[in-house]
Protein backbone atom coordinates (compact mmCIF):
# COMPACT_ATOMS: atom_id res chain seq x y z
CA UNK A 1 -36.60 63.80 101.47
CA UNK A 2 -38.57 66.39 100.04
CA UNK A 3 -37.78 68.63 103.16
CA UNK A 4 -33.92 67.88 102.94
CA UNK A 5 -34.22 69.75 99.77
CA UNK A 6 -36.44 72.91 100.26
CA UNK A 7 -33.79 72.98 103.55
CA UNK A 8 -30.73 72.29 101.04
CA UNK A 9 -32.25 74.81 98.82
CA UNK A 10 -33.06 77.76 101.04
CA UNK A 11 -29.44 77.45 102.13
CA UNK A 12 -27.77 77.94 98.47
CA UNK A 13 -30.78 80.85 97.87
CA UNK A 14 -28.84 82.66 101.07
CA UNK A 15 -25.56 82.01 100.13
CA UNK A 16 -25.71 83.25 96.59
CA UNK A 17 -27.78 86.63 98.60
CA UNK A 18 -24.46 86.69 100.87
CA UNK A 19 -22.20 86.69 97.84
CA UNK A 20 -23.97 88.91 95.47
CA UNK A 21 -23.79 91.67 98.91
CA UNK A 22 -19.83 90.51 99.23
CA UNK A 23 -19.15 91.37 95.27
CA UNK A 24 -21.47 94.31 95.53
CA UNK A 25 -19.87 95.75 98.52
CA UNK A 26 -16.18 94.84 97.01
CA UNK A 27 -17.02 97.07 94.17
CA UNK A 28 -18.65 99.93 96.25
CA UNK A 29 -14.70 99.67 98.13
CA UNK A 30 -12.97 99.62 94.75
CA UNK A 31 -15.10 102.73 93.80
CA UNK A 32 -14.35 104.60 97.23
CA UNK A 33 -10.52 104.00 96.93
CA UNK A 34 -10.45 104.70 93.10
CA UNK A 35 -11.82 108.37 93.88
CA UNK A 36 -9.03 109.94 95.95
CA UNK A 37 -6.77 108.52 94.13
CA UNK A 38 -7.46 110.16 91.07
CA UNK A 39 -8.05 113.10 93.22
CA UNK A 40 -4.24 112.93 94.04
CA UNK A 41 -2.72 112.34 90.16
CA UNK A 42 -1.30 115.13 90.52
CA UNK A 43 2.22 116.34 89.18
CA UNK A 44 3.65 119.30 90.88
CA UNK A 45 5.21 121.39 88.24
CA UNK A 46 6.63 124.69 87.87
CA UNK A 47 5.60 126.99 85.26
CA UNK A 48 7.02 130.76 84.55
CA UNK A 49 5.16 133.98 83.66
CA UNK A 50 5.54 137.66 83.67
CA UNK A 51 4.94 140.09 85.91
CA UNK A 52 3.54 143.47 85.66
CA UNK A 53 7.47 144.56 85.45
CA UNK A 54 8.20 142.22 83.37
CA UNK A 55 10.11 139.84 85.12
CA UNK A 56 9.94 136.58 84.87
CA UNK A 57 8.35 134.85 87.71
CA UNK A 58 8.70 131.29 88.89
CA UNK A 59 5.06 129.45 90.64
CA UNK A 60 4.44 126.10 91.43
CA UNK A 61 1.42 124.72 90.21
CA UNK A 62 -0.08 121.08 90.41
CA UNK A 63 -1.16 119.91 86.92
CA UNK A 64 -2.99 116.33 86.45
CA UNK A 65 -0.45 113.67 85.53
CA UNK A 66 -1.52 112.71 81.20
CA UNK A 67 1.03 111.73 78.50
CA UNK A 68 2.93 114.50 76.98
CA UNK A 69 2.69 116.73 80.67
CA UNK A 70 5.61 119.24 79.56
CA UNK A 71 3.43 119.97 76.69
CA UNK A 72 0.56 120.82 79.48
CA UNK A 73 2.33 122.90 81.08
CA UNK A 74 3.72 124.96 78.07
CA UNK A 75 -0.27 125.86 77.27
CA UNK A 76 -0.51 126.81 80.26
CA UNK A 77 1.34 129.95 79.80
CA UNK A 78 -1.07 130.77 76.89
CA UNK A 79 -2.99 134.31 77.09
CA UNK A 80 -6.35 132.80 77.70
CA UNK A 81 -9.38 135.31 78.67
CA UNK A 82 -10.83 132.84 81.07
CA UNK A 83 -7.34 131.71 82.74
CA UNK A 84 -6.08 135.61 82.61
CA UNK A 85 -8.88 137.02 84.75
CA UNK A 86 -7.66 134.91 88.14
CA UNK A 87 -4.04 135.20 86.99
CA UNK A 88 -4.23 138.81 86.52
CA UNK A 89 -5.91 139.71 90.36
CA UNK A 90 -2.44 137.27 91.57
CA UNK A 91 -0.18 139.86 89.11
CA UNK A 92 1.01 136.79 86.85
CA UNK A 93 0.73 137.98 83.16
CA UNK A 94 0.74 134.97 80.74
CA UNK A 95 4.07 135.32 78.46
CA UNK A 96 2.72 133.94 75.12
CA UNK A 97 0.10 135.47 72.91
CA UNK A 98 -3.69 133.67 72.09
CA UNK A 99 -3.66 131.68 69.33
CA UNK A 100 -0.78 130.10 69.58
CA UNK A 101 0.24 126.38 69.62
CA UNK A 102 3.10 124.24 70.73
CA UNK A 103 4.62 120.99 69.32
CA UNK A 104 7.00 119.47 71.31
CA UNK A 105 9.62 116.30 70.68
CA UNK A 106 12.12 115.44 73.65
CA UNK A 107 15.17 112.93 72.73
CA UNK A 108 18.20 112.32 74.77
CA UNK A 109 17.25 115.10 77.19
CA UNK A 110 17.23 117.98 74.54
CA UNK A 111 13.73 119.26 74.02
CA UNK A 112 12.37 120.75 71.02
CA UNK A 113 9.62 123.27 71.23
CA UNK A 114 8.23 124.51 67.96
CA UNK A 115 5.88 128.11 68.34
CA UNK A 116 3.29 127.59 65.72
CA UNK A 117 1.68 131.42 65.37
CA UNK A 118 -1.19 130.50 63.23
CA UNK A 119 -1.26 133.81 61.98
CA UNK A 120 -0.35 135.27 65.58
CA UNK A 121 2.33 137.90 66.33
CA UNK A 122 4.58 137.33 68.47
CA UNK A 123 6.29 140.36 70.63
CA UNK A 124 9.36 141.71 69.68
CA UNK A 125 13.18 142.15 71.43
CA UNK A 126 12.85 141.92 74.94
CA UNK A 127 9.48 141.03 75.77
CA UNK A 128 10.24 138.33 73.12
CA UNK A 129 13.18 137.44 74.85
CA UNK A 130 10.82 137.23 78.09
CA UNK A 131 8.70 134.81 76.32
CA UNK A 132 11.43 132.24 74.93
CA UNK A 133 12.99 132.37 78.46
CA UNK A 134 9.13 131.59 80.40
CA UNK A 135 9.23 128.77 77.49
CA UNK A 136 12.42 127.41 78.43
CA UNK A 137 12.24 127.36 82.08
CA UNK A 138 9.14 125.67 82.19
CA UNK A 139 10.65 122.82 80.14
CA UNK A 140 13.88 123.19 81.87
CA UNK A 141 12.28 122.14 85.36
CA UNK A 142 11.13 118.12 84.22
CA UNK A 143 13.98 116.00 84.67
CA UNK A 144 13.98 114.77 81.22
CA UNK A 145 14.85 117.87 79.60
CA UNK A 146 19.24 119.08 79.97
CA UNK A 147 18.24 121.76 77.32
CA UNK A 148 16.12 123.54 74.98
CA UNK A 149 16.28 124.19 71.43
CA UNK A 150 13.75 126.42 70.08
CA UNK A 151 11.65 126.75 66.50
CA UNK A 152 9.06 129.45 65.20
CA UNK A 153 7.33 127.66 62.50
CA UNK A 154 9.33 124.71 62.00
CA UNK A 155 12.61 127.08 61.50
CA UNK A 156 15.62 126.80 64.25
CA UNK A 157 15.53 130.09 66.03
CA UNK A 158 19.08 131.17 67.44
CA UNK A 159 18.30 131.73 71.00
CA UNK A 160 19.71 134.47 73.14
CA UNK A 161 21.89 133.16 75.62
CA UNK A 162 25.11 132.23 75.87
CA UNK A 163 25.81 129.65 74.53
CA UNK A 164 27.32 128.93 71.04
CA UNK A 165 25.02 126.32 70.29
CA UNK A 166 21.99 128.49 70.84
CA UNK A 167 20.52 126.50 73.57
CA UNK A 168 19.12 127.05 76.51
CA UNK A 169 21.15 124.77 78.69
CA UNK A 170 20.42 126.56 82.46
CA UNK A 171 17.49 129.20 83.63
CA UNK A 172 17.35 132.62 82.23
CA UNK A 173 17.08 134.46 85.71
CA UNK A 174 16.25 138.45 86.13
CA UNK A 175 19.29 140.37 85.63
CA UNK A 176 18.87 144.76 86.84
CA UNK A 177 18.51 146.37 85.25
CA UNK A 178 16.36 144.57 83.17
CA UNK A 179 17.91 143.31 79.99
CA UNK A 180 21.25 144.16 81.15
CA UNK A 181 23.93 141.51 80.28
CA UNK A 182 25.67 139.48 82.81
CA UNK A 183 28.98 139.41 83.80
CA UNK A 184 31.96 137.12 85.05
CA UNK A 185 33.81 140.66 86.20
CA UNK A 186 31.28 141.65 88.42
CA UNK A 187 29.34 140.34 91.82
CA UNK A 188 25.41 139.40 91.36
CA UNK A 189 23.42 139.10 94.44
CA UNK A 190 20.48 136.63 94.32
CA UNK A 191 17.58 139.08 95.84
CA UNK A 192 14.03 138.00 96.43
CA UNK A 193 11.42 140.86 96.62
CA UNK A 194 7.57 140.96 97.01
CA UNK A 195 5.46 141.27 94.03
CA UNK A 196 2.84 144.41 93.94
CA UNK A 197 0.01 142.11 94.63
CA UNK A 198 1.32 141.22 97.59
CA UNK A 199 1.36 136.75 96.76
CA UNK A 200 4.25 136.15 95.27
CA UNK A 201 8.20 136.43 95.33
CA UNK A 202 10.18 137.66 92.43
CA UNK A 203 13.51 137.11 92.19
CA UNK A 204 16.39 139.62 90.70
CA UNK A 205 20.03 139.92 90.60
CA UNK A 206 21.39 142.88 91.17
CA UNK A 207 24.99 143.98 91.11
CA UNK A 208 26.81 144.48 94.13
CA UNK A 209 30.28 145.91 95.62
CA UNK A 210 30.46 143.26 97.74
CA UNK A 211 28.72 140.11 99.05
CA UNK A 212 28.56 140.34 102.72
CA UNK A 213 25.42 139.16 104.89
CA UNK A 214 24.51 143.03 105.95
CA UNK A 215 25.01 143.97 101.94
CA UNK A 216 22.64 141.44 101.37
CA UNK A 217 20.51 142.83 103.74
CA UNK A 218 20.92 146.54 103.02
CA UNK A 219 19.98 145.74 99.67
CA UNK A 220 16.71 143.67 100.76
CA UNK A 221 15.42 147.25 101.90
CA UNK A 222 15.52 148.44 98.42
CA UNK A 223 13.28 147.40 95.88
CA UNK A 224 14.51 147.68 92.33
CA UNK A 225 13.82 151.42 90.87
CA UNK A 226 11.35 151.69 88.45
CA UNK A 227 9.10 148.82 89.45
CA UNK A 228 6.24 148.28 91.79
CA UNK A 229 8.61 145.52 93.93
CA UNK A 230 8.55 146.22 97.33
CA UNK A 231 10.85 144.97 100.08
CA UNK A 232 10.46 141.95 102.19
CA UNK A 233 10.66 143.95 105.78
CA UNK A 234 7.59 146.94 105.71
CA UNK A 235 8.83 150.40 106.40
CA UNK A 236 7.71 150.19 110.12
CA UNK A 237 10.00 147.47 111.05
CA UNK A 238 14.15 148.19 111.40
CA UNK A 239 16.69 146.29 110.93
CA UNK A 240 18.49 146.33 114.50
CA UNK A 241 22.05 144.46 113.46
CA UNK A 242 23.03 141.73 111.38
CA UNK A 243 25.80 139.48 113.16
CA UNK A 244 27.39 136.15 111.86
CA UNK A 245 27.77 133.46 114.02
CA UNK A 246 29.58 130.57 111.88
CA UNK A 247 27.39 129.62 109.02
CA UNK A 248 24.34 131.58 110.70
CA UNK A 249 23.17 134.91 109.69
CA UNK A 250 21.57 136.65 112.61
CA UNK A 251 19.11 139.03 111.66
CA UNK A 252 17.70 141.25 115.07
CA UNK A 253 14.64 143.24 113.67
CA UNK A 254 12.23 145.77 116.21
CA UNK A 255 9.20 144.42 117.72
CA UNK A 256 6.90 145.77 114.82
CA UNK A 257 7.40 143.05 113.40
CA UNK A 258 5.27 141.15 115.60
CA UNK A 259 2.39 142.68 113.72
CA UNK A 260 3.87 140.81 110.60
CA UNK A 261 3.97 138.05 111.68
CA UNK A 262 0.55 137.69 112.36
CA UNK A 263 -0.29 137.07 108.76
CA UNK A 264 0.82 133.38 107.93
CA UNK A 265 0.82 134.37 104.46
CA UNK A 266 3.58 137.30 104.79
CA UNK A 267 5.79 135.84 107.32
CA UNK A 268 6.44 133.16 104.85
CA UNK A 269 7.38 135.19 102.34
CA UNK A 270 9.90 137.28 104.67
CA UNK A 271 11.15 134.14 106.16
CA UNK A 272 11.69 132.96 102.68
CA UNK A 273 13.28 135.73 100.80
CA UNK A 274 15.74 136.14 103.72
CA UNK A 275 16.74 132.39 103.62
CA UNK A 276 16.74 132.08 100.08
CA UNK A 277 18.48 135.70 99.26
CA UNK A 278 21.50 134.73 102.31
CA UNK A 279 21.39 131.16 101.80
CA UNK A 280 22.78 132.06 98.59
CA UNK A 281 25.78 132.92 99.33
CA UNK A 282 28.39 130.02 99.90
CA UNK A 283 29.62 130.89 103.84
CA UNK A 284 25.76 131.06 104.28
CA UNK A 285 23.72 127.76 105.56
CA UNK A 286 20.87 129.23 107.90
CA UNK A 287 19.42 132.36 108.81
CA UNK A 288 17.44 132.97 112.00
CA UNK A 289 15.85 135.89 112.91
CA UNK A 290 15.31 138.12 116.66
CA UNK A 291 12.73 140.29 117.36
CA UNK A 292 13.89 143.25 119.98
CA UNK A 293 16.82 140.39 120.93
CA UNK A 294 14.51 137.90 121.73
CA UNK A 295 14.81 133.97 119.71
CA UNK A 296 11.33 134.40 117.20
CA UNK A 297 9.82 130.84 116.41
CA UNK A 298 7.58 131.51 113.23
CA UNK A 299 5.32 128.71 112.88
CA UNK A 300 6.43 125.14 111.58
CA UNK A 301 4.68 125.65 108.30
CA UNK A 302 6.62 128.52 107.37
CA UNK A 303 9.94 127.00 108.01
CA UNK A 304 9.67 123.84 105.98
CA UNK A 305 13.07 124.05 103.84
CA UNK A 306 11.68 122.18 101.28
CA UNK A 307 8.38 124.35 100.45
CA UNK A 308 8.95 126.51 96.89
CA UNK A 309 7.74 130.09 97.87
CA UNK A 310 5.37 130.72 95.13
CA UNK A 311 2.53 128.61 95.07
CA UNK A 312 -0.22 128.64 92.37
CA UNK A 313 -3.55 127.52 93.86
């Protein structure tokens, strides 16, 4: 009888040990699973900075998910010494002065942002318009926001837009020359030039005579006067021809483009500049490049149509 009791006791001990180990393994697995999930708990968010030419420059960044992520995005636009070292090295400049804070309220798809100066001096004139554009553009990229109203230290501000209500309902773009007013009586080309540091594309709207693929390509070869922007194509590369096949624009480049294509980052910027500039035309759906008359196949990564052209690592 005693032997049976000891045997039963031993079995119970073994089972208890096994169950403890199982619980430990389950907890370990839960920890191991939860860690990678937390690492991917990020949101792709569009932020608007200024470049050294005071052009508005959109970049896509990953921000940690949190309640009030819209306000977190705005805080990324505030001047900060530690953050600015990295940003300035890439040619990005926060548009909001240090010391400024934000109050943000979103109701019925209308975002009301109160810019609280806290004793800091806001930029004046065109620089203030650029600052407000960066703030409102950033908010308009959220699906929950259809329009933005601005206050400064609790006082309603008559934002500089074409809307009689004083609200931002569309993102503000760079009109060339800087500060000119967009008119419905002229045609504007949407052009994408390379920033001074070579890291990003800068979107610019330029008044042109006729919106044709040939004219768009020619405009891309001439960067904005008085800026440090550069053409997507280096001067060593020639455009041999620009033809249209249905809704496809075919651009034949000289063989020197092969050297440009060896740099994946540079290749992606060039392709994005041509695609975005030409596909802004209603008649164009696709852009195809040739090198000295031969078919050119870029790497798969650079041809991802849904990937944004400016990524902030």
